[in-house]
Amino acid sequence: MKKSVILGCFISLSLSLACSPRLEKMSLPADLELVNQGSEQDSVCISCSHQVVVFHDFDKSSFFVFSSKFRWAEFREEFPEVGFLFYFSGEDRNKLVHELKELDFPFPAFHDPDFRFYHANQLDTVTAKYDVLHSFHLKEGNPIKRAEIGMGQQFIEELELVLEKK
């Protein structure tokens, strides 16, 4: 009986720790090549207090989630205080540049052919439906929750809620 109570407590503690947001700051490599930069002023905000960080492996998945159907230009305009950071991992830089331009994607993005962001943040240990796409809300560099970038209205509500908690 005692052993089962102890085992139950251990399992509960393990599950709660596994499901809670990471406490350590995310590593945000800024020395990678920046692509899709419209002008000198079109930069990424590494120091913004609130950020949405997205990782995408474009060798294994399409760029569909970065199309205008997902309202990226609207997010950029409605939430100028949010730093949107995109890390695209994949071999072909020219393919990345071409696809983002074709989609009229409104943000600059980092080309990360060596998966530095993915490995530095141990994304292989993060439970996700798709291993090729990860997105997070960060506050002062710390992940506070996953970002539902594919769910337009839900994502807007998340942004509003997270920004309220300043």
N, C-alpha and C. Protein backbone atom coordinates (compact mmCIF):
# COMPACT_ATOMS: atom_id res chain seq x y z
N MET A 1 0.83 -1.20 0.00
CA MET A 1 0.00 0.00 0.00
C MET A 1 0.87 1.25 0.00
N LYS A 2 1.88 1.29 0.90
CA LYS A 2 2.77 2.44 0.97
C LYS A 2 3.51 2.64 -0.34
N LYS A 3 3.95 1.52 -0.93
CA LYS A 3 4.69 1.60 -2.19
C LYS A 3 3.82 2.17 -3.31
N SER A 4 2.55 1.78 -3.35
CA SER A 4 1.68 2.28 -4.41
C SER A 4 1.37 3.77 -4.23
N VAL A 5 1.27 4.23 -2.98
CA VAL A 5 1.05 5.66 -2.72
C VAL A 5 2.28 6.45 -3.15
N ILE A 6 3.46 5.96 -2.79
CA ILE A 6 4.71 6.63 -3.17
C ILE A 6 4.85 6.63 -4.69
N LEU A 7 4.56 5.50 -5.31
CA LEU A 7 4.65 5.42 -6.77
C LEU A 7 3.65 6.38 -7.42
N GLY A 8 2.43 6.45 -6.89
CA GLY A 8 1.42 7.38 -7.41
C GLY A 8 1.86 8.82 -7.30
N CYS A 9 2.46 9.18 -6.16
CA CYS A 9 2.96 10.55 -5.97
C CYS A 9 4.09 10.84 -6.95
N PHE A 10 4.97 9.88 -7.14
CA PHE A 10 6.10 10.05 -8.06
C PHE A 10 5.60 10.25 -9.49
N ILE A 11 4.63 9.45 -9.91
CA ILE A 11 4.09 9.57 -11.27
C ILE A 11 3.40 10.91 -11.44
N SER A 12 2.62 11.34 -10.46
CA SER A 12 1.94 12.64 -10.54
C SER A 12 2.93 13.78 -10.64
N LEU A 13 3.98 13.72 -9.84
CA LEU A 13 5.01 14.76 -9.87
C LEU A 13 5.71 14.76 -11.23
N SER A 14 6.05 13.60 -11.73
CA SER A 14 6.73 13.50 -13.02
C SER A 14 5.87 14.07 -14.13
N LEU A 15 4.58 13.72 -14.15
CA LEU A 15 3.68 14.23 -15.18
C LEU A 15 3.51 15.73 -15.09
N SER A 16 3.39 16.26 -13.89
CA SER A 16 3.21 17.71 -13.76
C SER A 16 4.45 18.46 -14.20
N LEU A 17 5.62 17.90 -13.93
CA LEU A 17 6.85 18.54 -14.38
C LEU A 17 7.01 18.45 -15.89
N ALA A 18 6.62 17.31 -16.46
CA ALA A 18 6.75 17.12 -17.90
C ALA A 18 5.80 18.03 -18.67
N CYS A 19 4.64 18.34 -18.11
CA CYS A 19 3.64 19.14 -18.81
C CYS A 19 3.77 20.64 -18.54
N SER A 20 4.57 21.01 -17.56
CA SER A 20 4.69 22.42 -17.25
C SER A 20 5.64 23.10 -18.24
N PRO A 21 5.48 24.41 -18.45
CA PRO A 21 6.36 25.10 -19.38
C PRO A 21 7.80 25.07 -18.88
N ARG A 22 8.71 25.14 -19.84
CA ARG A 22 10.12 25.17 -19.50
C ARG A 22 10.42 26.44 -18.72
N LEU A 23 11.32 26.34 -17.78
CA LEU A 23 11.64 27.51 -16.97
C LEU A 23 12.87 28.25 -17.48
N GLU A 24 13.73 27.55 -18.22
CA GLU A 24 14.94 28.20 -18.68
C GLU A 24 14.68 29.00 -19.95
N LYS A 25 15.49 30.01 -20.15
CA LYS A 25 15.37 30.85 -21.34
C LYS A 25 15.67 30.02 -22.59
N MET A 26 15.00 30.38 -23.65
CA MET A 26 15.28 29.72 -24.93
C MET A 26 16.52 30.37 -25.53
N SER A 27 17.29 29.57 -26.21
CA SER A 27 18.44 30.07 -26.94
C SER A 27 17.94 30.58 -28.29
N LEU A 28 18.24 31.85 -28.58
CA LEU A 28 17.78 32.48 -29.82
C LEU A 28 18.99 32.92 -30.65
N PRO A 29 19.56 32.02 -31.44
CA PRO A 29 20.73 32.39 -32.23
C PRO A 29 20.42 33.56 -33.17
N ALA A 30 21.18 34.61 -33.06
CA ALA A 30 20.95 35.80 -33.89
C ALA A 30 22.04 35.96 -34.95
N ASP A 31 23.03 35.06 -34.94
CA ASP A 31 24.13 35.18 -35.88
C ASP A 31 23.92 34.34 -37.14
N LEU A 32 22.69 33.89 -37.36
CA LEU A 32 22.36 33.15 -38.57
C LEU A 32 22.02 34.13 -39.69
N GLU A 33 22.02 33.64 -40.91
CA GLU A 33 21.68 34.52 -42.04
C GLU A 33 20.21 34.90 -41.99
N LEU A 34 19.95 36.19 -42.10
CA LEU A 34 18.58 36.71 -42.12
C LEU A 34 18.13 36.82 -43.58
N VAL A 35 17.00 36.19 -43.89
CA VAL A 35 16.46 36.25 -45.25
C VAL A 35 15.09 36.89 -45.20
N ASN A 36 14.57 37.24 -46.36
CA ASN A 36 13.25 37.84 -46.50
C ASN A 36 13.17 39.20 -45.79
N GLN A 37 14.29 39.88 -45.78
CA GLN A 37 14.35 41.19 -45.13
C GLN A 37 14.05 42.24 -46.19
N GLY A 38 12.90 42.94 -46.02
CA GLY A 38 12.48 43.92 -47.00
C GLY A 38 13.35 45.16 -47.03
N SER A 39 13.84 45.60 -45.86
CA SER A 39 14.67 46.80 -45.79
C SER A 39 15.55 46.72 -44.55
N GLU A 40 16.41 47.69 -44.39
CA GLU A 40 17.28 47.73 -43.20
C GLU A 40 16.47 47.81 -41.91
N GLN A 41 15.31 48.50 -41.96
CA GLN A 41 14.47 48.64 -40.77
C GLN A 41 13.68 47.36 -40.47
N ASP A 42 13.61 46.49 -41.44
CA ASP A 42 12.85 45.24 -41.29
C ASP A 42 13.74 44.21 -40.61
N SER A 43 13.74 44.26 -39.29
CA SER A 43 14.63 43.38 -38.54
C SER A 43 13.82 42.56 -37.54
N VAL A 44 14.49 41.67 -36.85
CA VAL A 44 13.83 40.87 -35.82
C VAL A 44 14.13 41.48 -34.46
N CYS A 45 13.22 41.32 -33.54
CA CYS A 45 13.39 41.90 -32.21
C CYS A 45 13.80 40.81 -31.23
N ILE A 46 15.10 40.64 -31.08
CA ILE A 46 15.64 39.65 -30.15
C ILE A 46 15.41 40.09 -28.71
N SER A 47 15.31 41.40 -28.48
CA SER A 47 15.19 41.91 -27.11
C SER A 47 13.76 42.27 -26.69
N CYS A 48 12.77 42.03 -27.54
CA CYS A 48 11.38 42.33 -27.15
C CYS A 48 11.00 41.50 -25.93
N SER A 49 10.19 42.09 -25.04
CA SER A 49 9.81 41.36 -23.83
C SER A 49 8.84 40.23 -24.15
N HIS A 50 8.03 40.40 -25.18
CA HIS A 50 7.16 39.30 -25.63
C HIS A 50 7.55 38.93 -27.05
N GLN A 51 7.72 37.63 -27.24
CA GLN A 51 8.07 37.13 -28.56
C GLN A 51 7.24 35.91 -28.89
N VAL A 52 7.02 35.72 -30.17
CA VAL A 52 6.50 34.46 -30.68
C VAL A 52 7.63 33.89 -31.52
N VAL A 53 8.07 32.69 -31.16
CA VAL A 53 9.19 32.05 -31.84
C VAL A 53 8.68 30.80 -32.54
N VAL A 54 9.04 30.69 -33.82
CA VAL A 54 8.57 29.57 -34.64
C VAL A 54 9.77 28.87 -35.26
N PHE A 55 9.78 27.55 -35.14
CA PHE A 55 10.76 26.70 -35.82
C PHE A 55 10.03 25.90 -36.88
N HIS A 56 10.62 25.82 -38.08
CA HIS A 56 10.03 25.03 -39.16
C HIS A 56 11.12 24.34 -39.95
N ASP A 57 10.97 23.02 -40.16
CA ASP A 57 11.89 22.24 -40.99
C ASP A 57 11.27 22.15 -42.37
N PHE A 58 11.74 22.99 -43.28
CA PHE A 58 11.11 23.06 -44.59
C PHE A 58 11.55 21.93 -45.53
N ASP A 59 12.53 21.14 -45.13
CA ASP A 59 12.88 19.97 -45.94
C ASP A 59 11.84 18.87 -45.79
N LYS A 60 11.11 18.89 -44.68
CA LYS A 60 10.15 17.82 -44.39
C LYS A 60 8.70 18.28 -44.42
N SER A 61 8.45 19.55 -44.65
CA SER A 61 7.08 20.05 -44.61
C SER A 61 6.93 21.23 -45.55
N SER A 62 5.71 21.48 -45.96
CA SER A 62 5.45 22.59 -46.88
C SER A 62 5.45 23.93 -46.13
N PHE A 63 5.38 24.98 -46.90
CA PHE A 63 5.35 26.33 -46.35
C PHE A 63 3.92 26.84 -46.16
N PHE A 64 2.93 25.97 -46.31
CA PHE A 64 1.54 26.40 -46.30
C PHE A 64 1.17 27.24 -45.07
N VAL A 65 1.65 26.86 -43.90
CA VAL A 65 1.29 27.58 -42.67
C VAL A 65 1.82 29.03 -42.68
N PHE A 66 2.69 29.35 -43.61
CA PHE A 66 3.23 30.71 -43.70
C PHE A 66 2.56 31.51 -44.83
N SER A 67 1.50 30.97 -45.38
CA SER A 67 0.77 31.67 -46.45
C SER A 67 -0.14 32.75 -45.85
N SER A 68 -0.66 33.60 -46.70
CA SER A 68 -1.50 34.71 -46.25
C SER A 68 -2.80 34.23 -45.61
N LYS A 69 -3.21 32.99 -45.87
CA LYS A 69 -4.42 32.43 -45.24
C LYS A 69 -4.29 32.44 -43.72
N PHE A 70 -3.07 32.49 -43.23
CA PHE A 70 -2.83 32.45 -41.79
C PHE A 70 -2.64 33.84 -41.18
N ARG A 71 -2.92 34.88 -41.96
CA ARG A 71 -3.05 36.26 -41.48
C ARG A 71 -1.77 36.85 -40.85
N TRP A 72 -0.62 36.52 -41.38
CA TRP A 72 0.64 37.01 -40.80
C TRP A 72 0.76 38.52 -40.87
N ALA A 73 0.36 39.12 -41.99
CA ALA A 73 0.46 40.58 -42.12
C ALA A 73 -0.43 41.26 -41.07
N GLU A 74 -1.59 40.69 -40.83
CA GLU A 74 -2.50 41.23 -39.82
C GLU A 74 -1.87 41.15 -38.42
N PHE A 75 -1.25 40.02 -38.11
CA PHE A 75 -0.60 39.87 -36.79
C PHE A 75 0.51 40.90 -36.62
N ARG A 76 1.26 41.10 -37.69
CA ARG A 76 2.38 42.06 -37.62
C ARG A 76 1.85 43.47 -37.36
N GLU A 77 0.77 43.82 -38.03
CA GLU A 77 0.21 45.17 -37.88
C GLU A 77 -0.49 45.35 -36.53
N GLU A 78 -1.24 44.36 -36.09
CA GLU A 78 -2.00 44.47 -34.84
C GLU A 78 -1.15 44.36 -33.59
N PHE A 79 -0.01 43.71 -33.68
CA PHE A 79 0.82 43.47 -32.50
C PHE A 79 2.27 43.90 -32.76
N PRO A 80 2.49 45.21 -32.97
CA PRO A 80 3.85 45.68 -33.28
C PRO A 80 4.82 45.51 -32.10
N GLU A 81 4.28 45.38 -30.89
CA GLU A 81 5.13 45.22 -29.71
C GLU A 81 5.64 43.79 -29.52
N VAL A 82 5.16 42.88 -30.35
CA VAL A 82 5.57 41.48 -30.27
C VAL A 82 6.69 41.22 -31.27
N GLY A 83 7.75 40.60 -30.80
CA GLY A 83 8.84 40.19 -31.68
C GLY A 83 8.52 38.82 -32.26
N PHE A 84 8.35 38.75 -33.57
CA PHE A 84 8.11 37.47 -34.24
C PHE A 84 9.44 36.98 -34.79
N LEU A 85 9.88 35.82 -34.32
CA LEU A 85 11.15 35.24 -34.76
C LEU A 85 10.88 33.91 -35.44
N PHE A 86 11.43 33.75 -36.63
CA PHE A 86 11.22 32.53 -37.40
C PHE A 86 12.57 31.90 -37.71
N TYR A 87 12.69 30.63 -37.35
CA TYR A 87 13.89 29.84 -37.63
C TYR A 87 13.50 28.74 -38.61
N PHE A 88 13.99 28.85 -39.84
CA PHE A 88 13.71 27.87 -40.88
C PHE A 88 14.93 26.99 -41.08
N SER A 89 14.78 25.70 -40.79
CA SER A 89 15.86 24.76 -41.00
C SER A 89 15.59 23.97 -42.26
N GLY A 90 16.63 23.80 -43.03
CA GLY A 90 16.55 23.08 -44.29
C GLY A 90 17.77 23.43 -45.11
N GLU A 91 18.07 22.59 -46.07
CA GLU A 91 19.29 22.72 -46.86
C GLU A 91 19.30 23.92 -47.81
N ASP A 92 18.26 24.04 -48.62
CA ASP A 92 18.27 24.92 -49.77
C ASP A 92 17.82 26.35 -49.44
N ARG A 93 18.80 27.22 -49.25
CA ARG A 93 18.53 28.63 -48.92
C ARG A 93 17.70 29.29 -50.02
N ASN A 94 18.03 29.00 -51.28
CA ASN A 94 17.31 29.62 -52.39
C ASN A 94 15.84 29.22 -52.40
N LYS A 95 15.56 27.98 -52.05
CA LYS A 95 14.17 27.52 -51.95
C LYS A 95 13.44 28.31 -50.86
N LEU A 96 14.08 28.49 -49.72
CA LEU A 96 13.50 29.25 -48.62
C LEU A 96 13.16 30.67 -49.06
N VAL A 97 14.13 31.34 -49.65
CA VAL A 97 13.93 32.72 -50.10
C VAL A 97 12.80 32.80 -51.12
N HIS A 98 12.80 31.88 -52.08
CA HIS A 98 11.78 31.86 -53.12
C HIS A 98 10.38 31.64 -52.54
N GLU A 99 10.25 30.66 -51.67
CA GLU A 99 8.94 30.34 -51.09
C GLU A 99 8.39 31.49 -50.25
N LEU A 100 9.22 32.10 -49.41
CA LEU A 100 8.75 33.22 -48.58
C LEU A 100 8.33 34.40 -49.44
N LYS A 101 9.08 34.64 -50.52
CA LYS A 101 8.74 35.73 -51.43
C LYS A 101 7.42 35.43 -52.16
N GLU A 102 7.27 34.21 -52.65
CA GLU A 102 6.04 33.81 -53.34
C GLU A 102 4.82 33.94 -52.43
N LEU A 103 4.99 33.64 -51.15
CA LEU A 103 3.89 33.71 -50.19
C LEU A 103 3.65 35.12 -49.67
N ASP A 104 4.52 36.05 -50.06
CA ASP A 104 4.45 37.43 -49.57
C ASP A 104 4.48 37.44 -48.04
N PHE A 105 5.36 36.62 -47.48
CA PHE A 105 5.49 36.51 -46.03
C PHE A 105 6.07 37.81 -45.48
N PRO A 106 5.42 38.42 -44.48
CA PRO A 106 5.77 39.78 -44.08
C PRO A 106 6.90 39.91 -43.05
N PHE A 107 7.52 38.83 -42.66
CA PHE A 107 8.57 38.89 -41.64
C PHE A 107 9.91 38.43 -42.19
N PRO A 108 10.99 39.01 -41.67
CA PRO A 108 12.29 38.43 -41.96
C PRO A 108 12.40 37.11 -41.20
N ALA A 109 13.31 36.26 -41.63
CA ALA A 109 13.45 34.94 -41.02
C ALA A 109 14.92 34.52 -41.01
N PHE A 110 15.26 33.69 -40.05
CA PHE A 110 16.61 33.15 -39.99
C PHE A 110 16.67 31.83 -40.76
N HIS A 111 17.70 31.71 -41.61
CA HIS A 111 17.96 30.41 -42.25
C HIS A 111 18.93 29.67 -41.34
N ASP A 112 18.49 28.52 -40.87
CA ASP A 112 19.23 27.72 -39.89
C ASP A 112 19.47 26.31 -40.45
N PRO A 113 20.37 26.20 -41.44
CA PRO A 113 20.55 24.91 -42.11
C PRO A 113 21.11 23.81 -41.20
N ASP A 114 21.73 24.18 -40.11
CA ASP A 114 22.35 23.20 -39.21
C ASP A 114 21.49 22.88 -37.99
N PHE A 115 20.25 23.37 -37.98
CA PHE A 115 19.31 23.08 -36.88
C PHE A 115 19.84 23.55 -35.52
N ARG A 116 20.55 24.65 -35.51
CA ARG A 116 21.11 25.15 -34.24
C ARG A 116 20.02 25.50 -33.23
N PHE A 117 18.98 26.19 -33.68
CA PHE A 117 17.88 26.54 -32.78
C PHE A 117 17.23 25.27 -32.22
N TYR A 118 16.96 24.32 -33.09
CA TYR A 118 16.30 23.07 -32.69
C TYR A 118 17.12 22.33 -31.64
N HIS A 119 18.40 22.18 -31.88
CA HIS A 119 19.26 21.44 -30.95
C HIS A 119 19.53 22.21 -29.66
N ALA A 120 19.78 23.51 -29.76
CA ALA A 120 20.07 24.31 -28.57
C ALA A 120 18.90 24.31 -27.59
N ASN A 121 17.70 24.21 -28.12
CA ASN A 121 16.51 24.24 -27.27
C ASN A 121 15.91 22.84 -27.06
N GLN A 122 16.64 21.84 -27.48
CA GLN A 122 16.26 20.44 -27.28
C GLN A 122 14.80 20.19 -27.68
N LEU A 123 14.45 20.66 -28.86
CA LEU A 123 13.08 20.49 -29.32
C LEU A 123 12.72 19.03 -29.57
N ASP A 124 13.73 18.18 -29.69
CA ASP A 124 13.45 16.75 -29.85
C ASP A 124 12.84 16.16 -28.57
N THR A 125 12.94 16.87 -27.46
CA THR A 125 12.36 16.39 -26.19
C THR A 125 10.98 17.00 -25.93
N VAL A 126 10.54 17.91 -26.80
CA VAL A 126 9.25 18.57 -26.63
C VAL A 126 8.18 17.74 -27.33
N THR A 127 7.15 17.37 -26.60
CA THR A 127 6.06 16.60 -27.18
C THR A 127 5.24 17.51 -28.08
N ALA A 128 5.13 17.11 -29.33
CA ALA A 128 4.36 17.89 -30.29
C ALA A 128 3.76 16.94 -31.32
N LYS A 129 2.66 17.36 -31.89
CA LYS A 129 2.01 16.54 -32.91
C LYS A 129 2.91 16.41 -34.13
N TYR A 130 3.56 17.52 -34.50
CA TYR A 130 4.44 17.53 -35.66
C TYR A 130 5.83 17.99 -35.21
N ASP A 131 6.82 17.19 -35.50
CA ASP A 131 8.19 17.53 -35.10
C ASP A 131 8.81 18.59 -36.02
N VAL A 132 8.17 18.89 -37.13
CA VAL A 132 8.72 19.83 -38.11
C VAL A 132 8.31 21.27 -37.85
N LEU A 133 7.39 21.48 -36.90
CA LEU A 133 6.91 22.83 -36.62
C LEU A 133 6.68 22.98 -35.12
N HIS A 134 7.38 23.93 -34.52
CA HIS A 134 7.21 24.24 -33.10
C HIS A 134 7.02 25.75 -32.98
N SER A 135 6.12 26.17 -32.11
CA SER A 135 5.92 27.60 -31.90
C SER A 135 5.62 27.86 -30.43
N PHE A 136 6.18 28.97 -29.93
CA PHE A 136 6.10 29.29 -28.51
C PHE A 136 5.86 30.77 -28.29
N HIS A 137 5.15 31.08 -27.21
CA HIS A 137 5.09 32.44 -26.69
C HIS A 137 6.22 32.54 -25.68
N LEU A 138 7.03 33.60 -25.77
CA LEU A 138 8.09 33.83 -24.80
C LEU A 138 7.83 35.12 -24.06
N LYS A 139 8.15 35.14 -22.79
CA LYS A 139 8.11 36.36 -21.98
C LYS A 139 9.50 36.51 -21.39
N GLU A 140 10.15 37.61 -21.73
CA GLU A 140 11.53 37.85 -21.27
C GLU A 140 12.44 36.67 -21.61
N GLY A 141 12.18 36.05 -22.76
CA GLY A 141 13.01 34.94 -23.23
C GLY A 141 12.63 33.57 -22.72
N ASN A 142 11.66 33.52 -21.80
CA ASN A 142 11.23 32.24 -21.23
C ASN A 142 9.95 31.76 -21.91
N PRO A 143 9.90 30.50 -22.30
CA PRO A 143 8.67 29.98 -22.90
C PRO A 143 7.56 29.90 -21.85
N ILE A 144 6.41 30.46 -22.17
CA ILE A 144 5.30 30.42 -21.22
C ILE A 144 4.16 29.53 -21.71
N LYS A 145 4.08 29.34 -23.03
CA LYS A 145 3.09 28.41 -23.57
C LYS A 145 3.34 28.22 -25.06
N ARG A 146 2.77 27.16 -25.59
CA ARG A 146 2.86 26.93 -27.02
C ARG A 146 1.99 27.96 -27.73
N ALA A 147 2.39 28.37 -28.91
CA ALA A 147 1.61 29.33 -29.70
C ALA A 147 0.84 28.56 -30.76
N GLU A 148 -0.45 28.79 -30.82
CA GLU A 148 -1.31 28.11 -31.80
C GLU A 148 -1.37 28.94 -33.08
N ILE A 149 -0.26 28.98 -33.81
CA ILE A 149 -0.15 29.85 -34.98
C ILE A 149 -1.08 29.44 -36.11
N GLY A 150 -1.53 28.21 -36.14
CA GLY A 150 -2.42 27.76 -37.21
C GLY A 150 -3.88 28.03 -36.96
N MET A 151 -4.21 28.57 -35.81
CA MET A 151 -5.60 28.82 -35.43
C MET A 151 -5.78 30.33 -35.27
N GLY A 152 -6.07 31.03 -36.36
CA GLY A 152 -6.10 32.48 -36.42
C GLY A 152 -6.72 33.19 -35.24
N GLN A 153 -8.01 32.98 -35.00
CA GLN A 153 -8.69 33.71 -33.92
C GLN A 153 -8.15 33.28 -32.55
N GLN A 154 -7.89 32.01 -32.39
CA GLN A 154 -7.34 31.52 -31.12
C GLN A 154 -5.96 32.14 -30.87
N PHE A 155 -5.16 32.26 -31.91
CA PHE A 155 -3.84 32.86 -31.78
C PHE A 155 -3.94 34.32 -31.37
N ILE A 156 -4.89 35.06 -31.96
CA ILE A 156 -5.10 36.47 -31.58
C ILE A 156 -5.49 36.55 -30.11
N GLU A 157 -6.41 35.68 -29.69
CA GLU A 157 -6.83 35.68 -28.28
C GLU A 157 -5.66 35.35 -27.35
N GLU A 158 -4.81 34.41 -27.77
CA GLU A 158 -3.61 34.09 -26.99
C GLU A 158 -2.72 35.31 -26.85
N LEU A 159 -2.47 36.00 -27.96
CA LEU A 159 -1.62 37.19 -27.93
C LEU A 159 -2.20 38.25 -27.00
N GLU A 160 -3.48 38.50 -27.10
CA GLU A 160 -4.13 39.50 -26.24
C GLU A 160 -4.01 39.09 -24.79
N LEU A 161 -4.23 37.84 -24.47
CA LEU A 161 -4.17 37.36 -23.10
C LEU A 161 -2.74 37.44 -22.55
N VAL A 162 -1.78 37.01 -23.33
CA VAL A 162 -0.39 37.04 -22.87
C VAL A 162 0.11 38.47 -22.69
N LEU A 163 -0.31 39.37 -23.57
CA LEU A 163 0.12 40.76 -23.45
C LEU A 163 -0.53 41.45 -22.26
N GLU A 164 -1.73 41.02 -21.86
CA GLU A 164 -2.39 41.55 -20.66
C GLU A 164 -1.57 41.26 -19.41
N LYS A 165 -0.86 40.17 -19.40
CA LYS A 165 -0.13 39.70 -18.22
C LYS A 165 1.23 40.37 -18.12
N LYS A 166 1.35 41.58 -18.55
CA LYS A 166 2.63 42.30 -18.49
C LYS A 166 3.04 42.43 -17.07
